Amino acid sequence: MQRVLITGGAGYLGSTLAARLLEAGHKVTALDNLLIGRESLFHLAANPDFDIVCGDARDERLMKDLIAGHDVIVPLAAIVGAPACERDPWGTLSTNRDAVILSHTLAQKGQLVIYPTTNSGYGTQSGELYCTEETPLEPISLYGKAKVEAEQALLDAGDAITFRLATVFGMSPRMRLDLLVNHFVYAAITDGTIVIFEKDFKRNYVHVRDVADCFLHAIENSSKMVGRAFNVGLDEANLSKAELADKIKEFVPNFYIHYANYGKDPDQRNYIVSNRRLRESGFEAKRGLDDGIRELLKGYRCIGRTPFKNVTELSGRWLGPSQPVTGKETVVVGS
């Protein structure tokens, strides 16, 4: 049994990871400022091996006390996504970079830091050649730059494990609709249409529960992974935006996809990724895009109306794993 501290523990990945580690028999403390995702940890509160602390990962006094009582530190607290980071540069650098370095600085010998950075650090590669962990990092957004600088500090020290995560997808107790797969599926069943810029830009994808499993793998195999960076993605999911949209259309046939020649995507990432190093360590992502799309279609039934609508329009109804969404129905959910 390891005692694991997760900063940002109430977030999209943190809430999924906390549940997975508890299931595996570890003790978990989640630190979060609880500005969002307050309900995402309710289901874990009855577990005697779980605790939650409301606080800020940038608070040095608090972090010093918390880290002293744990074996593994997972710094997840972050402002995520290029647009959000551009709106708050100071918060981005202090949270996404400085707080991560603080966590590592406060850790003592024998304590393990596992840090999830992002493979967006590969930036604007050709989209034709596989990026490995040896590929030079060329982040193009403040989000990517802050993450890369934090990772470099940890790798220079040689006693941490870093994961360069692909674009994550799937349902979580603290759901996010801005992630590319999640967003495309939501657009397909609500608007029934989407406009895509730079349709040939490629990325890699990975399910949120595969990421949680990967952290568990690192805890159990830290001796042979420490001091190195690992790409974490699904080998079969190095797809362009157009290929991703076409995949979703297999499940939602009436999904209208428009590829625009005007305009520009604010996120100019374009790369494909090799996950060979992670496979050689003994771990491979196993949840495919088809599985994730089916899961999202079912999960989105639970969203219902937004606070500002009393009618939700769905592009059909998800009938089961072998039946696609067809037609279009309007569901009146309140007045």
Protein backbone atom coordinates (compact mmCIF):
# COMPACT_ATOMS: atom_id res chain seq x y z
CA MET A 1 0.00 0.00 0.00
CA GLN A 2 1.31 3.43 -1.01
CA ARG A 3 0.10 6.78 0.31
CA VAL A 4 -0.59 8.91 -2.75
CA LEU A 5 -1.14 12.69 -2.83
CA ILE A 6 -2.96 13.99 -5.93
CA THR A 7 -3.07 17.76 -6.42
CA GLY A 8 -6.02 18.77 -8.56
CA GLY A 9 -7.63 15.59 -7.30
CA ALA A 10 -11.20 16.70 -8.03
CA GLY A 11 -10.51 17.29 -11.73
CA TYR A 12 -11.18 15.30 -14.90
CA LEU A 13 -8.18 13.00 -14.49
CA GLY A 14 -7.77 13.35 -10.72
CA SER A 15 -11.23 12.04 -9.83
CA THR A 16 -10.75 9.03 -12.12
CA LEU A 17 -7.23 8.34 -10.85
CA ALA A 18 -8.23 8.59 -7.18
CA ALA A 19 -10.91 5.93 -7.64
CA ARG A 20 -8.51 3.63 -9.54
CA LEU A 21 -5.78 3.86 -6.88
CA LEU A 22 -8.24 3.17 -4.07
CA GLU A 23 -9.53 0.17 -5.99
CA ALA A 24 -5.95 -1.12 -6.20
CA GLY A 25 -5.51 -0.87 -2.42
CA HIS A 26 -3.64 2.42 -2.02
CA LYS A 27 -4.40 5.33 0.31
CA VAL A 28 -5.26 8.58 -1.49
CA THR A 29 -5.37 12.22 -0.48
CA ALA A 30 -6.87 14.65 -2.98
CA LEU A 31 -5.85 18.29 -2.75
CA ASP A 32 -8.04 20.72 -4.71
CA ASN A 33 -9.17 24.33 -4.43
CA LEU A 34 -12.68 23.09 -5.38
CA LEU A 35 -13.42 26.01 -7.66
CA ILE A 36 -14.96 23.44 -10.02
CA GLY A 37 -15.82 19.77 -9.76
CA ARG A 38 -17.08 19.88 -6.17
CA GLU A 39 -19.26 16.79 -6.59
CA SER A 40 -16.68 14.68 -8.40
CA LEU A 41 -15.32 13.06 -5.23
CA PHE A 42 -18.57 12.52 -3.31
CA HIS A 43 -18.61 8.83 -4.22
CA LEU A 44 -15.21 8.30 -2.56
CA ALA A 45 -15.95 9.99 0.78
CA ALA A 46 -17.09 6.78 2.49
CA ASN A 47 -13.79 5.02 1.76
CA PRO A 48 -11.60 5.06 4.91
CA ASP A 49 -8.48 5.15 2.73
CA PHE A 50 -9.53 8.41 1.06
CA ASP A 51 -9.15 11.96 2.31
CA ILE A 52 -9.65 15.37 0.73
CA VAL A 53 -8.01 18.69 1.55
CA CYS A 54 -9.36 21.98 0.25
CA GLY A 55 -6.35 24.09 -0.61
CA ASP A 56 -3.96 25.42 -3.25
CA ALA A 57 -1.00 23.50 -4.66
CA ARG A 58 0.96 26.78 -4.67
CA ASP A 59 0.75 27.09 -0.88
CA GLU A 60 4.25 26.07 0.22
CA ARG A 61 3.41 25.59 3.90
CA LEU A 62 0.42 23.40 3.10
CA MET A 63 2.34 21.37 0.52
CA LYS A 64 5.25 20.78 2.87
CA ASP A 65 2.94 19.30 5.50
CA LEU A 66 1.01 17.17 3.00
CA ILE A 67 3.99 15.80 1.09
CA ALA A 68 5.68 14.69 4.32
CA GLY A 69 2.91 12.15 4.90
CA HIS A 70 2.90 10.52 1.45
CA ASP A 71 5.00 8.12 -0.59
CA VAL A 72 3.90 9.25 -4.06
CA ILE A 73 3.08 12.76 -5.28
CA VAL A 74 1.05 13.29 -8.46
CA PRO A 75 0.89 17.02 -9.40
CA LEU A 76 -2.26 17.30 -11.52
CA ALA A 77 -3.37 20.79 -10.47
CA ALA A 78 -3.31 22.95 -13.59
CA ILE A 79 -5.04 25.51 -15.73
CA VAL A 80 -5.74 23.43 -18.82
CA GLY A 81 -6.11 24.30 -22.48
CA ALA A 82 -4.50 27.01 -24.57
CA PRO A 83 -7.38 29.56 -24.38
CA ALA A 84 -7.73 29.37 -20.59
CA CYS A 85 -3.98 29.76 -20.13
CA GLU A 86 -3.80 32.80 -22.41
CA ARG A 87 -6.49 34.47 -20.29
CA ASP A 88 -4.51 33.97 -17.06
CA PRO A 89 -0.75 33.90 -17.79
CA TRP A 90 0.31 34.41 -14.17
CA GLY A 91 -2.01 31.71 -12.87
CA THR A 92 -0.80 29.37 -15.61
CA LEU A 93 2.89 29.77 -14.82
CA SER A 94 2.42 29.69 -11.05
CA THR A 95 0.21 26.58 -11.18
CA ASN A 96 1.35 24.60 -14.23
CA ARG A 97 5.07 25.15 -13.72
CA ASP A 98 6.02 26.64 -10.35
CA ALA A 99 3.70 24.49 -8.20
CA VAL A 100 4.98 21.33 -9.92
CA ILE A 101 8.59 22.29 -9.27
CA LEU A 102 7.65 23.15 -5.66
CA SER A 103 6.15 19.68 -5.15
CA HIS A 104 9.33 18.07 -6.44
CA THR A 105 11.57 20.34 -4.35
CA LEU A 106 9.67 19.50 -1.16
CA ALA A 107 9.78 15.74 -1.82
CA GLN A 108 12.41 13.82 0.11
CA LYS A 109 14.60 10.95 -1.01
CA GLY A 110 12.47 7.86 -1.44
CA GLN A 111 9.33 9.81 -2.34
CA LEU A 112 8.22 9.37 -5.95
CA VAL A 113 6.90 12.21 -8.13
CA ILE A 114 4.87 11.18 -11.20
CA TYR A 115 4.09 14.17 -13.36
CA PRO A 116 1.66 14.25 -16.29
CA THR A 117 2.82 16.77 -18.84
CA THR A 118 1.44 16.83 -22.38
CA ASN A 119 2.55 15.67 -25.78
CA SER A 120 1.44 19.07 -27.08
CA GLY A 121 5.06 19.96 -26.39
CA TYR A 122 5.86 18.40 -29.76
CA GLY A 123 4.14 21.39 -31.32
CA THR A 124 3.90 21.75 -35.09
CA GLN A 125 5.69 18.69 -36.40
CA SER A 126 4.98 17.39 -39.89
CA GLY A 127 2.24 14.97 -38.85
CA GLU A 128 4.06 12.33 -40.89
CA LEU A 129 6.97 11.24 -38.69
CA TYR A 130 6.44 9.66 -35.30
CA CYS A 131 7.48 11.75 -32.31
CA THR A 132 9.46 9.77 -29.75
CA GLU A 133 10.66 10.90 -26.35
CA GLU A 134 13.89 11.98 -28.08
CA THR A 135 12.10 14.34 -30.49
CA PRO A 136 12.94 18.00 -29.72
CA LEU A 137 10.12 19.77 -27.89
CA GLU A 138 8.68 22.83 -29.62
CA PRO A 139 5.65 23.98 -27.58
CA ILE A 140 3.64 26.71 -29.27
CA SER A 141 1.22 27.74 -26.51
CA LEU A 142 1.72 29.10 -23.00
CA TYR A 143 0.08 25.90 -21.73
CA GLY A 144 2.62 23.74 -23.57
CA LYS A 145 5.59 25.92 -22.60
CA ALA A 146 4.75 25.90 -18.88
CA LYS A 147 4.28 22.12 -18.91
CA VAL A 148 7.53 21.52 -20.80
CA GLU A 149 9.52 23.76 -18.43
CA ALA A 150 8.14 21.89 -15.40
CA GLU A 151 8.94 18.53 -16.99
CA GLN A 152 12.48 19.59 -17.83
CA ALA A 153 13.14 20.59 -14.21
CA LEU A 154 11.98 17.17 -13.01
CA LEU A 155 13.93 15.22 -15.63
CA ASP A 156 17.09 17.23 -14.90
CA ALA A 157 16.84 16.06 -11.29
CA GLY A 158 16.62 12.46 -12.50
CA ASP A 159 14.31 11.12 -9.80
CA ALA A 160 10.80 11.57 -11.23
CA ILE A 161 8.64 9.94 -13.91
CA THR A 162 6.93 12.13 -16.49
CA PHE A 163 4.07 11.18 -18.80
CA ARG A 164 3.50 13.06 -22.05
CA LEU A 165 -0.23 12.51 -22.33
CA ALA A 166 -2.07 12.32 -25.61
CA THR A 167 -5.41 14.14 -25.91
CA VAL A 168 -7.56 12.39 -23.31
CA PHE A 169 -11.16 11.26 -23.89
CA GLY A 170 -13.94 9.42 -22.06
CA MET A 171 -16.42 9.98 -19.24
CA SER A 172 -15.26 11.18 -15.82
CA PRO A 173 -16.98 12.21 -12.57
CA ARG A 174 -15.70 15.72 -13.38
CA MET A 175 -16.63 15.83 -17.06
CA ARG A 176 -14.93 18.00 -19.69
CA LEU A 177 -16.56 18.78 -23.02
CA ASP A 178 -13.67 20.82 -24.43
CA LEU A 179 -11.39 17.84 -25.13
CA LEU A 180 -11.40 17.04 -28.84
CA VAL A 181 -13.07 13.60 -28.90
CA ASN A 182 -15.52 14.55 -26.16
CA HIS A 183 -16.36 17.80 -27.97
CA PHE A 184 -16.84 16.21 -31.39
CA VAL A 185 -19.18 13.55 -30.00
CA TYR A 186 -21.18 16.14 -28.06
CA ALA A 187 -21.52 18.31 -31.18
CA ALA A 188 -22.66 15.27 -33.17
CA ILE A 189 -25.59 14.47 -30.87
CA THR A 190 -26.63 18.00 -29.92
CA ASP A 191 -25.99 20.29 -32.90
CA GLY A 192 -25.77 17.51 -35.45
CA THR A 193 -23.05 19.47 -37.25
CA ILE A 194 -19.53 20.80 -36.80
CA VAL A 195 -17.15 23.15 -38.61
CA ILE A 196 -13.53 21.96 -38.62
CA PHE A 197 -10.47 24.05 -39.44
CA GLU A 198 -7.20 22.46 -40.59
CA LYS A 199 -8.82 19.07 -40.98
CA ASP A 200 -5.54 17.27 -41.70
CA PHE A 201 -3.82 18.27 -38.46
CA LYS A 202 -3.07 15.10 -36.49
CA ARG A 203 -2.97 14.18 -32.83
CA ASN A 204 -2.80 11.10 -30.63
CA TYR A 205 -5.59 10.11 -28.21
CA VAL A 206 -5.94 8.05 -25.03
CA HIS A 207 -8.79 7.07 -22.71
CA VAL A 208 -8.84 8.70 -19.25
CA ARG A 209 -9.05 5.29 -17.54
CA ASP A 210 -6.01 4.07 -19.47
CA VAL A 211 -4.15 7.09 -18.13
CA ALA A 212 -5.21 6.16 -14.58
CA ASP A 213 -4.03 2.58 -15.18
CA CYS A 214 -0.72 3.94 -16.45
CA PHE A 215 -0.14 5.84 -13.19
CA LEU A 216 -0.81 2.65 -11.26
CA HIS A 217 1.70 0.84 -13.50
CA ALA A 218 4.31 3.51 -12.75
CA ILE A 219 3.82 3.18 -8.99
CA GLU A 220 4.28 -0.58 -9.25
CA ASN A 221 7.26 -0.36 -11.63
CA SER A 222 8.93 2.88 -10.57
CA SER A 223 12.43 1.42 -10.23
CA LYS A 224 12.73 0.78 -13.97
CA MET A 225 10.89 3.93 -15.08
CA VAL A 226 12.25 6.68 -12.83
CA GLY A 227 14.22 9.47 -14.44
CA ARG A 228 12.53 9.10 -17.84
CA ALA A 229 9.73 10.58 -19.92
CA PHE A 230 7.08 8.38 -21.54
CA ASN A 231 4.56 9.11 -24.27
CA VAL A 232 1.13 7.88 -23.15
CA GLY A 233 -1.30 7.31 -25.99
CA LEU A 234 -3.16 4.80 -28.11
CA ASP A 235 -1.06 3.60 -31.03
CA GLU A 236 -4.08 3.03 -33.27
CA ALA A 237 -5.37 6.55 -32.59
CA ASN A 238 -2.91 8.80 -34.41
CA LEU A 239 -5.68 10.51 -36.34
CA SER A 240 -6.36 13.75 -38.16
CA LYS A 241 -9.36 15.83 -37.16
CA ALA A 242 -11.12 14.66 -40.33
CA GLU A 243 -10.44 11.01 -39.54
CA LEU A 244 -11.76 11.50 -36.00
CA ALA A 245 -14.93 13.16 -37.26
CA ASP A 246 -15.49 10.36 -39.79
CA LYS A 247 -15.07 7.79 -37.01
CA ILE A 248 -17.78 9.50 -34.96
CA LYS A 249 -20.03 9.65 -38.04
CA GLU A 250 -19.98 5.83 -38.08
CA PHE A 251 -21.99 6.03 -34.85
CA VAL A 252 -24.00 9.15 -35.68
CA PRO A 253 -24.76 8.85 -39.43
CA ASN A 254 -26.63 12.18 -39.63
CA PHE A 255 -23.61 14.08 -38.29
CA TYR A 256 -22.88 16.83 -40.84
CA ILE A 257 -19.18 17.72 -41.03
CA HIS A 258 -18.08 20.90 -42.77
CA TYR A 259 -14.40 21.43 -43.50
CA ALA A 260 -13.73 25.16 -43.64
CA ASN A 261 -11.06 26.71 -45.85
CA TYR A 262 -11.31 30.00 -44.02
CA GLY A 263 -10.45 30.74 -40.42
CA LYS A 264 -7.72 29.25 -38.29
CA ASP A 265 -7.68 26.84 -35.39
CA PRO A 266 -6.17 28.61 -32.35
CA ASP A 267 -4.40 25.35 -31.47
CA GLN A 268 -1.92 24.62 -34.26
CA ARG A 269 -0.61 21.26 -32.97
CA ASN A 270 0.11 18.69 -35.65
CA TYR A 271 1.98 15.48 -34.83
CA ILE A 272 1.76 11.71 -34.46
CA VAL A 273 3.33 9.90 -31.54
CA SER A 274 5.12 6.63 -30.82
CA ASN A 275 4.30 4.95 -27.50
CA ARG A 276 6.94 2.25 -27.90
CA ARG A 277 8.94 3.19 -24.79
CA LEU A 278 5.87 2.78 -22.58
CA ARG A 279 5.07 -0.61 -24.15
CA GLU A 280 8.61 -1.74 -23.44
CA SER A 281 8.07 -0.84 -19.77
CA GLY A 282 5.15 -3.27 -19.73
CA PHE A 283 2.12 -1.03 -20.26
CA GLU A 284 -0.12 -0.49 -23.27
CA ALA A 285 -3.37 1.47 -23.57
CA LYS A 286 -6.25 -0.87 -24.38
CA ARG A 287 -9.46 1.20 -24.63
CA GLY A 288 -10.08 2.12 -28.25
CA LEU A 289 -11.85 5.09 -29.78
CA ASP A 290 -14.90 2.95 -30.60
CA ASP A 291 -15.21 2.06 -26.91
CA GLY A 292 -14.85 5.70 -25.93
CA ILE A 293 -17.44 6.96 -28.42
CA ARG A 294 -20.00 4.37 -27.23
CA GLU A 295 -19.30 5.38 -23.65
CA LEU A 296 -19.67 9.09 -24.40
CA LEU A 297 -22.94 8.57 -26.25
CA LYS A 298 -24.37 6.81 -23.21
CA GLY A 299 -22.88 9.28 -20.74
CA TYR A 300 -24.23 12.31 -22.54
CA ARG A 301 -27.77 11.07 -21.96
CA CYS A 302 -27.23 12.06 -18.33
CA ILE A 303 -26.43 15.69 -19.11
CA GLY A 304 -29.99 16.60 -20.08
CA ARG A 305 -30.77 20.28 -20.22
CA THR A 306 -28.25 23.00 -19.44
CA PRO A 307 -29.11 25.63 -16.80
CA PHE A 308 -30.20 27.99 -19.57
CA LYS A 309 -32.36 25.66 -21.69
CA ASN A 310 -35.60 23.81 -21.15
CA VAL A 311 -35.36 21.92 -24.44
CA THR A 312 -32.48 19.69 -25.47
CA GLU A 313 -32.13 18.70 -29.09
CA LEU A 314 -30.42 15.38 -29.71
CA SER A 315 -29.51 14.02 -33.13
CA GLY A 316 -31.40 10.82 -32.48
CA ARG A 317 -31.25 8.39 -29.59
CA TRP A 318 -28.46 5.98 -28.66
CA LEU A 319 -30.10 2.58 -28.79
CA GLY A 320 -27.27 0.22 -27.88
CA PRO A 321 -23.75 -0.90 -28.75
CA SER A 322 -24.73 -2.32 -32.13
CA GLN A 323 -27.21 0.37 -33.20
CA PRO A 324 -26.17 3.82 -34.43
CA VAL A 325 -27.84 7.11 -33.67
CA THR A 326 -30.40 7.90 -36.36
CA GLY A 327 -32.93 10.59 -37.11
CA LYS A 328 -33.40 13.62 -34.94
CA GLU A 329 -35.63 14.06 -31.91
CA THR A 330 -36.43 16.99 -29.67
CA VAL A 331 -36.70 16.08 -26.00
CA VAL A 332 -38.74 18.46 -23.83
CA VAL A 333 -37.24 18.18 -20.37
CA GLY A 334 -38.88 20.96 -18.43
CA SER A 335 -40.63 24.29 -18.54
